């Protein structure tokens, strides 16, 4: 078998459409898109809260068949500046799909980081890069055994969510969300409105109003 590299299809987000989401926290994105997007919280950042670099960029997908990591190898030269490598490895915890060498190559190409629904290794190095953000389901020292199968930029499932090449990926200390272009376009106004509302809540509480007065019968 060989690794299949698919062309990216569909309506890609423009640079300004991506940039509009840059300051939106994952919690806000998930609250406003409850029906789509939230990656399984078991896929966690490598760093403790407060030290994880923010993840933000357009998805490049790699569908692996552990212990084979061929899709990751071929995705390395597809991913470019600002992209996020989304590795679908069926949650396999026995074989790392990426580590310091390949992660470092992605970082040097200007990629924002990666999400692995499977295992990674060399985490001491991966977690130490301030400009490259890594999320993974598992950690193992054991590497892959072949690089012959898989698919790049095919639709995948990561953490229970469908992810396609070109989706907008946002990650912070709370987790990861992947938004299809149509959702990113249609819900950015609501996301920005939620940030403005949260600022009003903060101002209200700081002014001495009670929580009940600030939130009424609703909850934050």
N, C-alpha and C. Protein backbone atom coordinates (compact mmCIF):
# COMPACT_ATOMS: atom_id res chain seq x y z
N UNK A 1 0.83 -1.20 0.00
CA UNK A 1 0.00 0.00 0.00
C UNK A 1 0.87 1.25 0.00
N UNK A 2 0.27 2.37 -0.38
CA UNK A 2 0.99 3.64 -0.39
C UNK A 2 0.20 4.68 0.39
N UNK A 3 0.86 5.76 0.71
CA UNK A 3 0.20 6.88 1.37
C UNK A 3 -0.47 7.75 0.33
N UNK A 4 -1.74 8.04 0.51
CA UNK A 4 -2.49 8.87 -0.42
C UNK A 4 -2.51 10.31 0.07
N UNK A 5 -2.13 11.23 -0.78
CA UNK A 5 -2.16 12.66 -0.45
C UNK A 5 -3.31 13.28 -1.23
N UNK A 6 -4.34 13.71 -0.52
CA UNK A 6 -5.54 14.24 -1.15
C UNK A 6 -5.43 15.75 -1.35
N UNK A 7 -5.98 16.26 -2.45
CA UNK A 7 -6.06 17.72 -2.59
C UNK A 7 -7.07 18.27 -1.60
N UNK A 8 -6.86 19.50 -1.17
CA UNK A 8 -7.80 20.14 -0.26
C UNK A 8 -8.99 20.63 -1.06
N UNK A 9 -10.18 20.21 -0.65
CA UNK A 9 -11.40 20.61 -1.35
C UNK A 9 -12.26 21.46 -0.42
N UNK A 10 -13.30 22.06 -0.98
CA UNK A 10 -14.20 22.85 -0.17
C UNK A 10 -13.80 24.31 -0.13
N UNK A 11 -14.56 25.08 0.62
CA UNK A 11 -14.37 26.52 0.71
C UNK A 11 -13.40 26.84 1.84
N UNK A 12 -12.17 27.19 1.48
CA UNK A 12 -11.14 27.46 2.49
C UNK A 12 -11.36 28.83 3.13
N UNK A 13 -11.00 28.93 4.39
CA UNK A 13 -11.06 30.20 5.08
C UNK A 13 -9.97 31.14 4.58
N UNK A 14 -10.33 32.38 4.39
CA UNK A 14 -9.34 33.40 4.04
C UNK A 14 -8.56 33.80 5.28
N UNK A 15 -7.42 34.42 5.06
CA UNK A 15 -6.55 34.80 6.18
C UNK A 15 -7.27 35.68 7.18
N UNK A 16 -8.07 36.63 6.71
CA UNK A 16 -8.76 37.53 7.63
C UNK A 16 -9.86 36.81 8.41
N UNK A 17 -10.46 35.78 7.81
CA UNK A 17 -11.48 35.00 8.51
C UNK A 17 -10.85 34.17 9.64
N UNK A 18 -9.66 33.68 9.40
CA UNK A 18 -8.93 32.96 10.45
C UNK A 18 -8.51 33.91 11.56
N UNK A 19 -7.95 35.04 11.18
CA UNK A 19 -7.42 35.99 12.16
C UNK A 19 -8.50 36.50 13.10
N UNK A 20 -9.73 36.57 12.64
CA UNK A 20 -10.83 37.06 13.49
C UNK A 20 -11.02 36.21 14.73
N UNK A 21 -10.59 34.95 14.69
CA UNK A 21 -10.77 34.04 15.82
C UNK A 21 -9.56 34.01 16.76
N UNK A 22 -8.52 34.73 16.46
CA UNK A 22 -7.26 34.54 17.17
C UNK A 22 -7.39 34.74 18.68
N UNK A 23 -8.19 35.67 19.13
CA UNK A 23 -8.29 35.97 20.55
C UNK A 23 -9.49 35.29 21.21
N UNK A 24 -10.18 34.42 20.49
CA UNK A 24 -11.35 33.75 21.06
C UNK A 24 -10.90 32.53 21.87
N UNK A 25 -11.20 32.44 23.15
CA UNK A 25 -10.82 31.27 23.94
C UNK A 25 -11.58 30.03 23.48
N UNK A 26 -10.99 28.87 23.73
CA UNK A 26 -11.65 27.63 23.38
C UNK A 26 -13.00 27.50 24.09
N UNK A 27 -13.07 27.92 25.35
CA UNK A 27 -14.33 27.81 26.09
C UNK A 27 -15.46 28.57 25.41
N UNK A 28 -15.17 29.75 24.88
CA UNK A 28 -16.19 30.53 24.18
C UNK A 28 -16.57 29.84 22.89
N UNK A 29 -15.58 29.36 22.14
CA UNK A 29 -15.87 28.68 20.88
C UNK A 29 -16.74 27.44 21.11
N UNK A 30 -16.43 26.68 22.15
CA UNK A 30 -17.21 25.47 22.44
C UNK A 30 -18.61 25.82 22.92
N UNK A 31 -18.74 26.82 23.77
CA UNK A 31 -20.07 27.21 24.25
C UNK A 31 -20.98 27.61 23.10
N UNK A 32 -20.42 28.22 22.08
CA UNK A 32 -21.23 28.71 20.97
C UNK A 32 -21.38 27.69 19.85
N UNK A 33 -20.65 26.59 19.92
CA UNK A 33 -20.72 25.57 18.87
C UNK A 33 -20.89 24.20 19.53
N UNK A 34 -21.83 24.07 20.44
CA UNK A 34 -21.99 22.85 21.23
C UNK A 34 -22.25 21.62 20.36
N UNK A 35 -22.77 21.82 19.18
CA UNK A 35 -23.10 20.69 18.32
C UNK A 35 -21.90 20.19 17.52
N UNK A 36 -20.83 20.98 17.45
CA UNK A 36 -19.67 20.59 16.63
C UNK A 36 -18.38 21.04 17.29
N UNK A 37 -17.30 20.39 16.90
CA UNK A 37 -15.99 20.98 17.12
C UNK A 37 -15.17 20.56 18.31
N UNK A 38 -15.79 20.28 19.49
CA UNK A 38 -14.97 20.04 20.67
C UNK A 38 -14.27 18.68 20.59
N UNK A 39 -12.93 18.71 20.63
CA UNK A 39 -12.13 17.49 20.65
C UNK A 39 -12.20 16.88 22.06
N UNK A 40 -12.22 15.56 22.13
CA UNK A 40 -12.25 14.84 23.41
C UNK A 40 -11.26 15.46 24.40
N UNK A 41 -11.73 15.90 25.58
CA UNK A 41 -10.82 16.51 26.56
C UNK A 41 -9.70 15.59 27.03
N UNK A 42 -9.80 14.28 26.74
CA UNK A 42 -8.70 13.36 27.09
C UNK A 42 -7.45 13.63 26.26
N UNK A 43 -7.61 14.34 25.16
CA UNK A 43 -6.45 14.78 24.37
C UNK A 43 -6.00 16.10 24.99
N UNK A 44 -4.87 16.06 25.70
CA UNK A 44 -4.48 17.14 26.58
C UNK A 44 -3.20 17.83 26.12
N UNK A 45 -3.02 19.10 26.52
CA UNK A 45 -1.75 19.79 26.25
C UNK A 45 -0.62 19.14 27.04
N UNK A 46 0.58 19.19 26.47
CA UNK A 46 1.73 18.62 27.17
C UNK A 46 2.12 19.42 28.40
N UNK A 47 1.92 20.72 28.35
CA UNK A 47 2.35 21.59 29.45
C UNK A 47 1.23 21.81 30.47
N UNK A 48 1.59 22.11 31.71
CA UNK A 48 0.58 22.42 32.72
C UNK A 48 -0.09 23.77 32.41
N UNK A 49 -1.26 24.01 33.01
CA UNK A 49 -1.96 25.28 32.77
C UNK A 49 -1.07 26.48 33.02
N UNK A 50 -1.18 27.43 32.11
CA UNK A 50 -0.38 28.65 32.21
C UNK A 50 0.93 28.59 31.45
N UNK A 51 1.31 27.39 30.99
CA UNK A 51 2.58 27.25 30.28
C UNK A 51 2.40 26.69 28.88
N UNK A 52 1.20 26.32 28.50
CA UNK A 52 0.97 25.75 27.17
C UNK A 52 0.87 26.86 26.13
N UNK A 53 1.68 26.82 25.07
CA UNK A 53 1.52 27.81 24.00
C UNK A 53 0.14 27.67 23.35
N UNK A 54 -0.45 28.77 22.97
CA UNK A 54 -1.74 28.73 22.30
C UNK A 54 -1.57 28.07 20.93
N UNK A 55 -2.54 27.25 20.58
CA UNK A 55 -2.55 26.59 19.28
C UNK A 55 -3.58 27.27 18.40
N UNK A 56 -3.18 27.63 17.20
CA UNK A 56 -4.09 28.38 16.33
C UNK A 56 -3.62 28.23 14.89
N UNK A 57 -4.49 27.69 14.03
CA UNK A 57 -4.13 27.57 12.63
C UNK A 57 -5.08 26.67 11.86
N UNK A 58 -4.73 26.44 10.63
CA UNK A 58 -5.56 25.66 9.71
C UNK A 58 -5.08 24.21 9.70
N UNK A 59 -6.04 23.28 9.70
CA UNK A 59 -5.73 21.86 9.83
C UNK A 59 -5.15 21.25 8.56
N UNK A 60 -4.09 20.46 8.76
CA UNK A 60 -3.60 19.48 7.79
C UNK A 60 -3.79 18.13 8.47
N UNK A 61 -4.48 17.20 7.82
CA UNK A 61 -4.79 15.94 8.49
C UNK A 61 -3.87 14.81 8.04
N UNK A 62 -3.64 13.88 8.98
CA UNK A 62 -2.85 12.68 8.70
C UNK A 62 -3.57 11.49 9.34
N UNK A 63 -4.07 10.58 8.52
CA UNK A 63 -4.76 9.39 9.02
C UNK A 63 -3.78 8.23 9.04
N UNK A 64 -3.41 7.80 10.25
CA UNK A 64 -2.39 6.77 10.42
C UNK A 64 -3.00 5.42 10.76
N UNK A 65 -2.19 4.38 10.55
CA UNK A 65 -2.56 3.02 10.91
C UNK A 65 -1.43 2.44 11.77
N UNK A 66 -1.38 2.81 13.06
CA UNK A 66 -0.29 2.35 13.92
C UNK A 66 -0.13 0.83 13.87
N UNK A 67 1.12 0.35 13.84
CA UNK A 67 2.39 1.06 14.10
C UNK A 67 2.97 1.79 12.90
N UNK A 68 2.19 1.96 11.83
CA UNK A 68 2.67 2.67 10.65
C UNK A 68 2.39 4.16 10.79
N UNK A 69 3.37 4.99 10.46
CA UNK A 69 3.18 6.45 10.55
C UNK A 69 3.45 7.14 9.22
N UNK A 70 3.21 6.41 8.14
CA UNK A 70 3.48 6.96 6.81
C UNK A 70 2.77 8.27 6.53
N UNK A 71 1.54 8.40 7.02
CA UNK A 71 0.79 9.64 6.75
C UNK A 71 1.46 10.85 7.37
N UNK A 72 2.05 10.67 8.56
CA UNK A 72 2.75 11.79 9.21
C UNK A 72 3.95 12.20 8.37
N UNK A 73 4.72 11.22 7.90
CA UNK A 73 5.91 11.52 7.11
C UNK A 73 5.54 12.34 5.88
N UNK A 74 4.48 11.93 5.19
CA UNK A 74 4.08 12.65 3.97
C UNK A 74 3.42 13.99 4.28
N UNK A 75 2.77 14.09 5.43
CA UNK A 75 2.14 15.36 5.79
C UNK A 75 3.15 16.45 6.13
N UNK A 76 4.36 16.05 6.51
CA UNK A 76 5.37 17.02 6.91
C UNK A 76 5.66 18.03 5.81
N UNK A 77 5.66 17.57 4.57
CA UNK A 77 5.99 18.47 3.47
C UNK A 77 4.76 19.12 2.87
N UNK A 78 3.58 18.78 3.39
CA UNK A 78 2.34 19.44 2.97
C UNK A 78 2.04 20.60 3.91
N UNK A 79 2.30 20.41 5.19
CA UNK A 79 2.02 21.45 6.18
C UNK A 79 2.98 22.62 6.00
N UNK A 80 2.44 23.82 6.17
CA UNK A 80 3.25 25.02 5.99
C UNK A 80 3.05 26.00 7.13
N UNK A 81 3.55 27.22 6.98
CA UNK A 81 3.48 28.21 8.05
C UNK A 81 2.06 28.42 8.57
N UNK A 82 1.92 28.34 9.89
CA UNK A 82 0.64 28.57 10.52
C UNK A 82 -0.29 27.37 10.55
N UNK A 83 0.08 26.26 9.92
CA UNK A 83 -0.78 25.09 9.89
C UNK A 83 -0.67 24.29 11.19
N UNK A 84 -1.69 23.45 11.43
CA UNK A 84 -1.72 22.54 12.57
C UNK A 84 -1.86 21.12 12.03
N UNK A 85 -0.92 20.25 12.38
CA UNK A 85 -1.00 18.86 11.95
C UNK A 85 -1.94 18.11 12.88
N UNK A 86 -3.00 17.54 12.32
CA UNK A 86 -4.01 16.80 13.07
C UNK A 86 -3.83 15.31 12.76
N UNK A 87 -3.30 14.55 13.72
CA UNK A 87 -2.95 13.16 13.51
C UNK A 87 -4.04 12.26 14.08
N UNK A 88 -4.67 11.50 13.22
CA UNK A 88 -5.67 10.52 13.63
C UNK A 88 -5.00 9.15 13.69
N UNK A 89 -4.84 8.63 14.91
CA UNK A 89 -4.17 7.35 15.10
C UNK A 89 -5.02 6.38 15.91
N UNK A 90 -6.35 6.58 15.83
CA UNK A 90 -7.31 5.67 16.46
C UNK A 90 -7.09 5.54 17.96
N UNK A 91 -6.50 6.54 18.57
CA UNK A 91 -6.27 6.51 20.01
C UNK A 91 -5.21 5.52 20.46
N UNK A 92 -4.42 5.01 19.53
CA UNK A 92 -3.42 3.99 19.85
C UNK A 92 -2.37 4.54 20.83
N UNK A 93 -2.16 3.81 21.93
CA UNK A 93 -1.23 4.26 22.96
C UNK A 93 0.11 3.54 22.92
N UNK A 94 0.28 2.61 21.99
CA UNK A 94 1.46 1.74 21.99
C UNK A 94 2.62 2.24 21.14
N UNK A 95 2.33 3.08 20.14
CA UNK A 95 3.36 3.51 19.20
C UNK A 95 3.26 5.02 18.98
N UNK A 96 4.34 5.73 19.25
CA UNK A 96 4.36 7.17 19.02
C UNK A 96 4.36 7.46 17.52
N UNK A 97 3.49 8.39 17.12
CA UNK A 97 3.40 8.78 15.72
C UNK A 97 4.32 9.94 15.38
N UNK A 98 4.83 10.62 16.40
CA UNK A 98 5.72 11.76 16.15
C UNK A 98 6.50 12.05 17.43
N UNK A 99 7.68 12.65 17.25
CA UNK A 99 8.53 13.02 18.38
C UNK A 99 9.38 14.23 18.03
N UNK A 100 10.56 14.29 18.62
CA UNK A 100 11.41 15.46 18.49
C UNK A 100 11.87 15.73 17.06
N UNK A 101 12.26 14.69 16.32
CA UNK A 101 12.83 14.90 14.99
C UNK A 101 11.78 15.45 14.03
N UNK A 102 10.63 14.75 13.93
CA UNK A 102 9.60 15.20 13.00
C UNK A 102 8.88 16.45 13.52
N UNK A 103 8.69 16.52 14.84
CA UNK A 103 8.10 17.72 15.40
C UNK A 103 8.97 18.94 15.16
N UNK A 104 10.28 18.75 15.30
CA UNK A 104 11.21 19.84 15.04
C UNK A 104 11.18 20.30 13.59
N UNK A 105 11.01 19.33 12.68
CA UNK A 105 10.91 19.68 11.26
C UNK A 105 9.66 20.53 11.00
N UNK A 106 8.54 20.13 11.59
CA UNK A 106 7.31 20.92 11.45
C UNK A 106 7.50 22.32 12.01
N UNK A 107 8.14 22.39 13.16
CA UNK A 107 8.37 23.70 13.79
C UNK A 107 9.24 24.59 12.91
N UNK A 108 10.27 24.04 12.33
CA UNK A 108 11.14 24.83 11.46
C UNK A 108 10.40 25.28 10.19
N UNK A 109 9.39 24.55 9.79
CA UNK A 109 8.58 24.96 8.63
C UNK A 109 7.56 26.03 9.00
N UNK A 110 7.50 26.40 10.26
CA UNK A 110 6.60 27.46 10.69
C UNK A 110 5.23 27.00 11.12
N UNK A 111 5.05 25.69 11.29
CA UNK A 111 3.75 25.19 11.72
C UNK A 111 3.47 25.61 13.17
N UNK A 112 2.18 25.74 13.49
CA UNK A 112 1.79 26.21 14.81
C UNK A 112 1.87 25.12 15.86
N UNK A 113 1.71 23.85 15.44
CA UNK A 113 1.74 22.76 16.40
C UNK A 113 1.02 21.55 15.85
N UNK A 114 0.65 20.64 16.76
CA UNK A 114 -0.01 19.40 16.34
C UNK A 114 -0.92 18.89 17.43
N UNK A 115 -1.89 18.08 16.98
CA UNK A 115 -2.81 17.37 17.86
C UNK A 115 -2.77 15.91 17.45
N UNK A 116 -2.52 15.02 18.40
CA UNK A 116 -2.40 13.59 18.08
C UNK A 116 -3.41 12.78 18.88
N UNK A 117 -4.37 12.17 18.17
CA UNK A 117 -5.27 11.22 18.80
C UNK A 117 -4.58 9.87 18.79
N UNK A 118 -3.58 9.77 19.63
CA UNK A 118 -2.68 8.64 19.71
C UNK A 118 -1.54 9.04 20.62
N UNK A 119 -0.36 8.51 20.35
CA UNK A 119 0.77 8.74 21.25
C UNK A 119 1.87 9.57 20.58
N UNK A 120 2.61 10.30 21.43
CA UNK A 120 3.79 11.04 21.00
C UNK A 120 4.93 10.67 21.94
N UNK A 121 6.16 11.06 21.60
CA UNK A 121 7.30 10.82 22.48
C UNK A 121 8.25 12.03 22.43
N UNK A 122 9.34 11.94 23.17
CA UNK A 122 10.29 13.06 23.29
C UNK A 122 9.59 14.29 23.85
N UNK A 123 8.71 14.06 24.81
CA UNK A 123 7.85 15.15 25.25
C UNK A 123 8.60 16.24 26.03
N UNK A 124 9.74 15.90 26.61
CA UNK A 124 10.52 16.93 27.27
C UNK A 124 10.95 18.02 26.32
N UNK A 125 11.29 17.61 25.10
CA UNK A 125 11.66 18.58 24.07
C UNK A 125 10.44 19.26 23.48
N UNK A 126 9.43 18.46 23.13
CA UNK A 126 8.23 19.03 22.51
C UNK A 126 7.57 20.07 23.42
N UNK A 127 7.54 19.80 24.71
CA UNK A 127 6.89 20.71 25.64
C UNK A 127 7.71 21.96 25.91
N UNK A 128 8.97 21.96 25.51
CA UNK A 128 9.84 23.09 25.78
C UNK A 128 9.87 24.15 24.70
N UNK A 129 9.16 23.91 23.60
CA UNK A 129 9.16 24.88 22.50
C UNK A 129 8.07 25.92 22.72
N UNK A 130 8.40 27.18 22.91
CA UNK A 130 7.39 28.20 23.21
C UNK A 130 6.53 28.59 22.03
N UNK A 131 6.96 28.25 20.83
CA UNK A 131 6.22 28.64 19.62
C UNK A 131 5.67 27.44 18.87
N UNK A 132 5.50 26.32 19.56
CA UNK A 132 4.99 25.11 18.93
C UNK A 132 4.19 24.35 19.98
N UNK A 133 2.88 24.19 19.74
CA UNK A 133 1.98 23.66 20.75
C UNK A 133 1.59 22.23 20.42
N UNK A 134 1.70 21.32 21.41
CA UNK A 134 1.43 19.90 21.18
C UNK A 134 0.36 19.41 22.15
N UNK A 135 -0.62 18.71 21.60
CA UNK A 135 -1.67 18.05 22.36
C UNK A 135 -1.67 16.57 21.97
N UNK A 136 -1.85 15.68 22.94
CA UNK A 136 -1.82 14.25 22.63
C UNK A 136 -2.68 13.49 23.62
N UNK A 137 -3.14 12.33 23.17
CA UNK A 137 -3.90 11.45 24.04
C UNK A 137 -2.98 10.64 24.95
N UNK A 138 -1.81 10.23 24.43
CA UNK A 138 -0.92 9.34 25.18
C UNK A 138 0.54 9.71 24.94
N UNK A 139 1.39 9.21 25.81
CA UNK A 139 2.83 9.34 25.68
C UNK A 139 3.44 7.95 25.79
N UNK A 140 4.38 7.63 24.89
CA UNK A 140 5.08 6.37 24.95
C UNK A 140 6.48 6.54 24.36
N UNK A 141 7.46 5.79 24.84
CA UNK A 141 8.80 5.88 24.24
C UNK A 141 8.93 5.05 22.97
N UNK A 142 7.99 4.16 22.71
CA UNK A 142 8.11 3.24 21.57
C UNK A 142 7.72 3.93 20.27
N UNK A 143 8.60 3.85 19.28
CA UNK A 143 8.35 4.49 18.00
C UNK A 143 7.61 3.60 17.01
N UNK A 144 7.28 4.13 15.83
CA UNK A 144 6.57 3.38 14.80
C UNK A 144 7.48 2.33 14.17
N UNK A 145 6.86 1.47 13.36
CA UNK A 145 7.61 0.36 12.77
C UNK A 145 7.63 0.37 11.24
N UNK A 146 6.84 1.24 10.63
CA UNK A 146 6.84 1.33 9.17
C UNK A 146 6.27 2.68 8.76
N UNK A 147 6.45 3.02 7.48
CA UNK A 147 5.95 4.29 6.96
C UNK A 147 5.43 4.06 5.54
N UNK A 148 4.43 3.23 5.42
CA UNK A 148 3.97 2.78 4.11
C UNK A 148 2.49 3.04 3.83
N UNK A 149 1.71 3.40 4.85
CA UNK A 149 0.26 3.46 4.67
C UNK A 149 -0.29 4.77 5.24
N UNK A 150 -1.57 5.00 4.94
CA UNK A 150 -2.26 6.15 5.50
C UNK A 150 -2.71 7.14 4.45
N UNK A 151 -3.22 8.27 4.91
CA UNK A 151 -3.74 9.30 4.00
C UNK A 151 -3.50 10.68 4.59
N UNK A 152 -3.20 11.62 3.71
CA UNK A 152 -2.98 13.02 4.09
C UNK A 152 -4.11 13.86 3.53
N UNK A 153 -4.66 14.73 4.35
CA UNK A 153 -5.73 15.66 4.00
C UNK A 153 -7.02 14.97 3.59
N UNK A 154 -7.19 13.73 4.03
CA UNK A 154 -8.49 13.07 3.95
C UNK A 154 -9.28 13.42 5.20
N UNK A 155 -10.62 13.37 5.16
CA UNK A 155 -11.39 13.58 6.39
C UNK A 155 -11.01 12.53 7.44
N UNK A 156 -10.88 12.96 8.68
CA UNK A 156 -10.49 12.07 9.78
C UNK A 156 -11.43 12.30 10.96
N UNK A 157 -11.31 11.43 11.95
CA UNK A 157 -11.99 11.62 13.23
C UNK A 157 -10.91 11.71 14.30
N UNK A 158 -10.93 12.80 15.05
CA UNK A 158 -9.95 13.04 16.11
C UNK A 158 -10.72 13.40 17.38
N UNK A 159 -10.51 12.62 18.41
CA UNK A 159 -11.22 12.88 19.66
C UNK A 159 -12.71 12.90 19.51
N UNK A 160 -13.23 12.01 18.65
CA UNK A 160 -14.66 11.90 18.46
C UNK A 160 -15.27 12.91 17.53
N UNK A 161 -14.47 13.80 16.97
CA UNK A 161 -14.98 14.85 16.08
C UNK A 161 -14.44 14.70 14.67
N UNK A 162 -15.29 14.88 13.66
CA UNK A 162 -14.78 14.90 12.29
C UNK A 162 -13.94 16.15 12.06
N UNK A 163 -12.80 15.96 11.43
CA UNK A 163 -11.90 17.07 11.10
C UNK A 163 -11.49 16.94 9.65
N UNK A 164 -11.55 18.03 8.93
CA UNK A 164 -11.15 18.06 7.52
C UNK A 164 -10.02 19.05 7.32
N UNK A 165 -9.24 18.83 6.30
CA UNK A 165 -8.19 19.77 5.94
C UNK A 165 -8.81 21.15 5.73
N UNK A 166 -8.19 22.15 6.33
CA UNK A 166 -8.69 23.51 6.20
C UNK A 166 -9.55 23.97 7.35
N UNK A 167 -9.96 23.05 8.24
CA UNK A 167 -10.71 23.48 9.42
C UNK A 167 -9.83 24.38 10.30
N UNK A 168 -10.48 25.25 11.04
CA UNK A 168 -9.77 26.13 11.96
C UNK A 168 -9.60 25.42 13.30
N UNK A 169 -8.36 25.29 13.76
CA UNK A 169 -8.05 24.60 15.01
C UNK A 169 -7.59 25.63 16.04
N UNK A 170 -8.23 25.60 17.22
CA UNK A 170 -7.86 26.49 18.31
C UNK A 170 -7.62 25.62 19.55
N UNK A 171 -6.50 25.86 20.22
CA UNK A 171 -6.20 25.12 21.44
C UNK A 171 -5.65 26.03 22.51
N UNK A 172 -6.06 25.82 23.76
CA UNK A 172 -5.49 26.53 24.89
C UNK A 172 -5.47 25.59 26.09
N UNK A 173 -5.33 26.13 27.29
CA UNK A 173 -5.23 25.28 28.48
C UNK A 173 -6.47 24.42 28.70
N UNK A 174 -7.62 24.85 28.19
CA UNK A 174 -8.87 24.13 28.42
C UNK A 174 -9.09 22.98 27.45
N UNK A 175 -8.42 22.98 26.30
CA UNK A 175 -8.63 21.92 25.32
C UNK A 175 -8.52 22.42 23.90
N UNK A 176 -9.13 21.66 22.98
CA UNK A 176 -9.00 21.94 21.55
C UNK A 176 -10.38 21.91 20.89
N UNK A 177 -10.58 22.80 19.94
CA UNK A 177 -11.78 22.81 19.12
C UNK A 177 -11.36 22.92 17.65
N UNK A 178 -12.10 22.24 16.77
CA UNK A 178 -11.84 22.31 15.33
C UNK A 178 -13.12 22.75 14.64
N UNK A 179 -13.09 23.91 14.00
CA UNK A 179 -14.28 24.49 13.39
C UNK A 179 -14.23 24.40 11.88
N UNK A 180 -15.23 23.78 11.25
CA UNK A 180 -15.31 23.81 9.80
C UNK A 180 -15.45 25.25 9.31
N UNK A 181 -15.03 25.53 8.07
CA UNK A 181 -15.10 26.90 7.58
C UNK A 181 -16.48 27.55 7.72
N UNK A 182 -17.54 26.80 7.42
CA UNK A 182 -18.87 27.40 7.50
C UNK A 182 -19.23 27.81 8.92
N UNK A 183 -18.80 27.01 9.90
CA UNK A 183 -19.07 27.37 11.31
C UNK A 183 -18.23 28.57 11.73
N UNK A 184 -16.97 28.60 11.31
CA UNK A 184 -16.11 29.74 11.65
C UNK A 184 -16.68 31.03 11.09
N UNK A 185 -17.21 30.97 9.89
CA UNK A 185 -17.78 32.18 9.28
C UNK A 185 -19.07 32.61 9.95
N UNK A 186 -19.93 31.66 10.26
CA UNK A 186 -21.27 32.01 10.74
C UNK A 186 -21.30 32.37 12.22
N UNK A 187 -20.28 31.96 12.99
CA UNK A 187 -20.37 32.12 14.44
C UNK A 187 -19.35 33.09 15.02
N UNK A 188 -18.56 33.74 14.18
CA UNK A 188 -17.58 34.67 14.72
C UNK A 188 -18.26 35.86 15.37
N UNK A 189 -19.36 36.33 14.81
CA UNK A 189 -20.06 37.46 15.41
C UNK A 189 -20.55 37.14 16.81
N UNK A 190 -21.10 35.95 16.99
CA UNK A 190 -21.57 35.53 18.31
C UNK A 190 -20.40 35.39 19.28
N UNK A 191 -19.27 34.90 18.80
CA UNK A 191 -18.10 34.75 19.66
C UNK A 191 -17.59 36.10 20.13
N UNK A 192 -17.50 37.05 19.22
CA UNK A 192 -17.05 38.38 19.60
C UNK A 192 -18.04 39.04 20.55
N UNK A 193 -19.34 38.80 20.32
CA UNK A 193 -20.36 39.33 21.22
C UNK A 193 -20.25 38.74 22.61
N UNK A 194 -19.90 37.43 22.69
CA UNK A 194 -19.75 36.80 24.00
C UNK A 194 -18.57 37.40 24.76
N UNK A 195 -17.48 37.69 24.06
CA UNK A 195 -16.34 38.33 24.73
C UNK A 195 -16.74 39.70 25.28
N UNK A 196 -17.51 40.44 24.51
CA UNK A 196 -17.96 41.76 24.97
C UNK A 196 -18.87 41.61 26.19
N UNK A 197 -19.74 40.60 26.18
CA UNK A 197 -20.63 40.37 27.32
C UNK A 197 -19.85 39.98 28.56
N UNK A 198 -18.85 39.14 28.39
CA UNK A 198 -18.03 38.74 29.53
C UNK A 198 -17.29 39.94 30.12
N UNK A 199 -16.86 40.87 29.26
CA UNK A 199 -16.22 42.08 29.76
C UNK A 199 -17.21 42.92 30.58
N UNK A 200 -18.45 42.96 30.16
CA UNK A 200 -19.48 43.67 30.92
C UNK A 200 -19.72 43.00 32.27
N UNK A 201 -19.73 41.66 32.29
CA UNK A 201 -19.90 40.95 33.56
C UNK A 201 -18.76 41.29 34.52
N UNK A 202 -17.55 41.28 34.00
CA UNK A 202 -16.39 41.59 34.85
C UNK A 202 -16.50 43.00 35.41
N UNK A 203 -16.89 43.93 34.56
CA UNK A 203 -17.01 45.31 35.01
C UNK A 203 -18.10 45.45 36.06
N UNK A 204 -19.21 44.74 35.86
CA UNK A 204 -20.32 44.79 36.81
C UNK A 204 -19.90 44.26 38.18
N UNK A 205 -19.23 43.12 38.19
CA UNK A 205 -18.79 42.53 39.45
C UNK A 205 -17.75 43.41 40.15
N UNK A 206 -16.84 43.97 39.35
CA UNK A 206 -15.80 44.83 39.92
C UNK A 206 -16.39 46.11 40.51
N UNK A 207 -17.54 46.54 40.00
CA UNK A 207 -18.17 47.78 40.48
C UNK A 207 -18.92 47.58 41.79
N UNK A 208 -19.05 46.32 42.22
CA UNK A 208 -19.72 46.06 43.48
C UNK A 208 -21.09 45.43 43.36
N UNK A 209 -21.59 45.26 42.16
CA UNK A 209 -22.87 44.59 41.99
C UNK A 209 -22.72 43.12 42.36
N UNK A 210 -23.79 42.54 42.85
CA UNK A 210 -23.74 41.13 43.24
C UNK A 210 -23.80 40.24 42.00
N UNK A 211 -23.46 38.96 42.22
CA UNK A 211 -23.55 38.00 41.13
C UNK A 211 -24.99 37.87 40.64
N UNK A 212 -25.94 37.88 41.58
CA UNK A 212 -27.34 37.77 41.20
C UNK A 212 -27.78 38.97 40.37
N UNK A 213 -27.32 40.15 40.73
CA UNK A 213 -27.65 41.35 39.96
C UNK A 213 -26.99 41.31 38.58
N UNK A 214 -25.78 40.79 38.52
CA UNK A 214 -25.05 40.77 37.27
C UNK A 214 -25.62 39.76 36.29
N UNK A 215 -25.92 38.57 36.80
CA UNK A 215 -26.31 37.49 35.89
C UNK A 215 -27.81 37.24 35.86
N UNK A 216 -28.55 37.86 36.77
CA UNK A 216 -29.99 37.62 36.81
C UNK A 216 -30.27 36.16 37.08
N UNK A 217 -31.14 35.58 36.31
CA UNK A 217 -31.47 34.17 36.49
C UNK A 217 -30.58 33.26 35.67
N UNK A 218 -29.68 33.85 34.84
CA UNK A 218 -28.80 33.03 34.02
C UNK A 218 -27.52 32.67 34.75
N UNK A 219 -26.70 31.93 34.08
CA UNK A 219 -25.39 31.53 34.64
C UNK A 219 -24.31 31.84 33.64
N UNK A 220 -23.10 32.02 34.14
CA UNK A 220 -21.95 32.32 33.27
C UNK A 220 -21.37 31.04 32.73
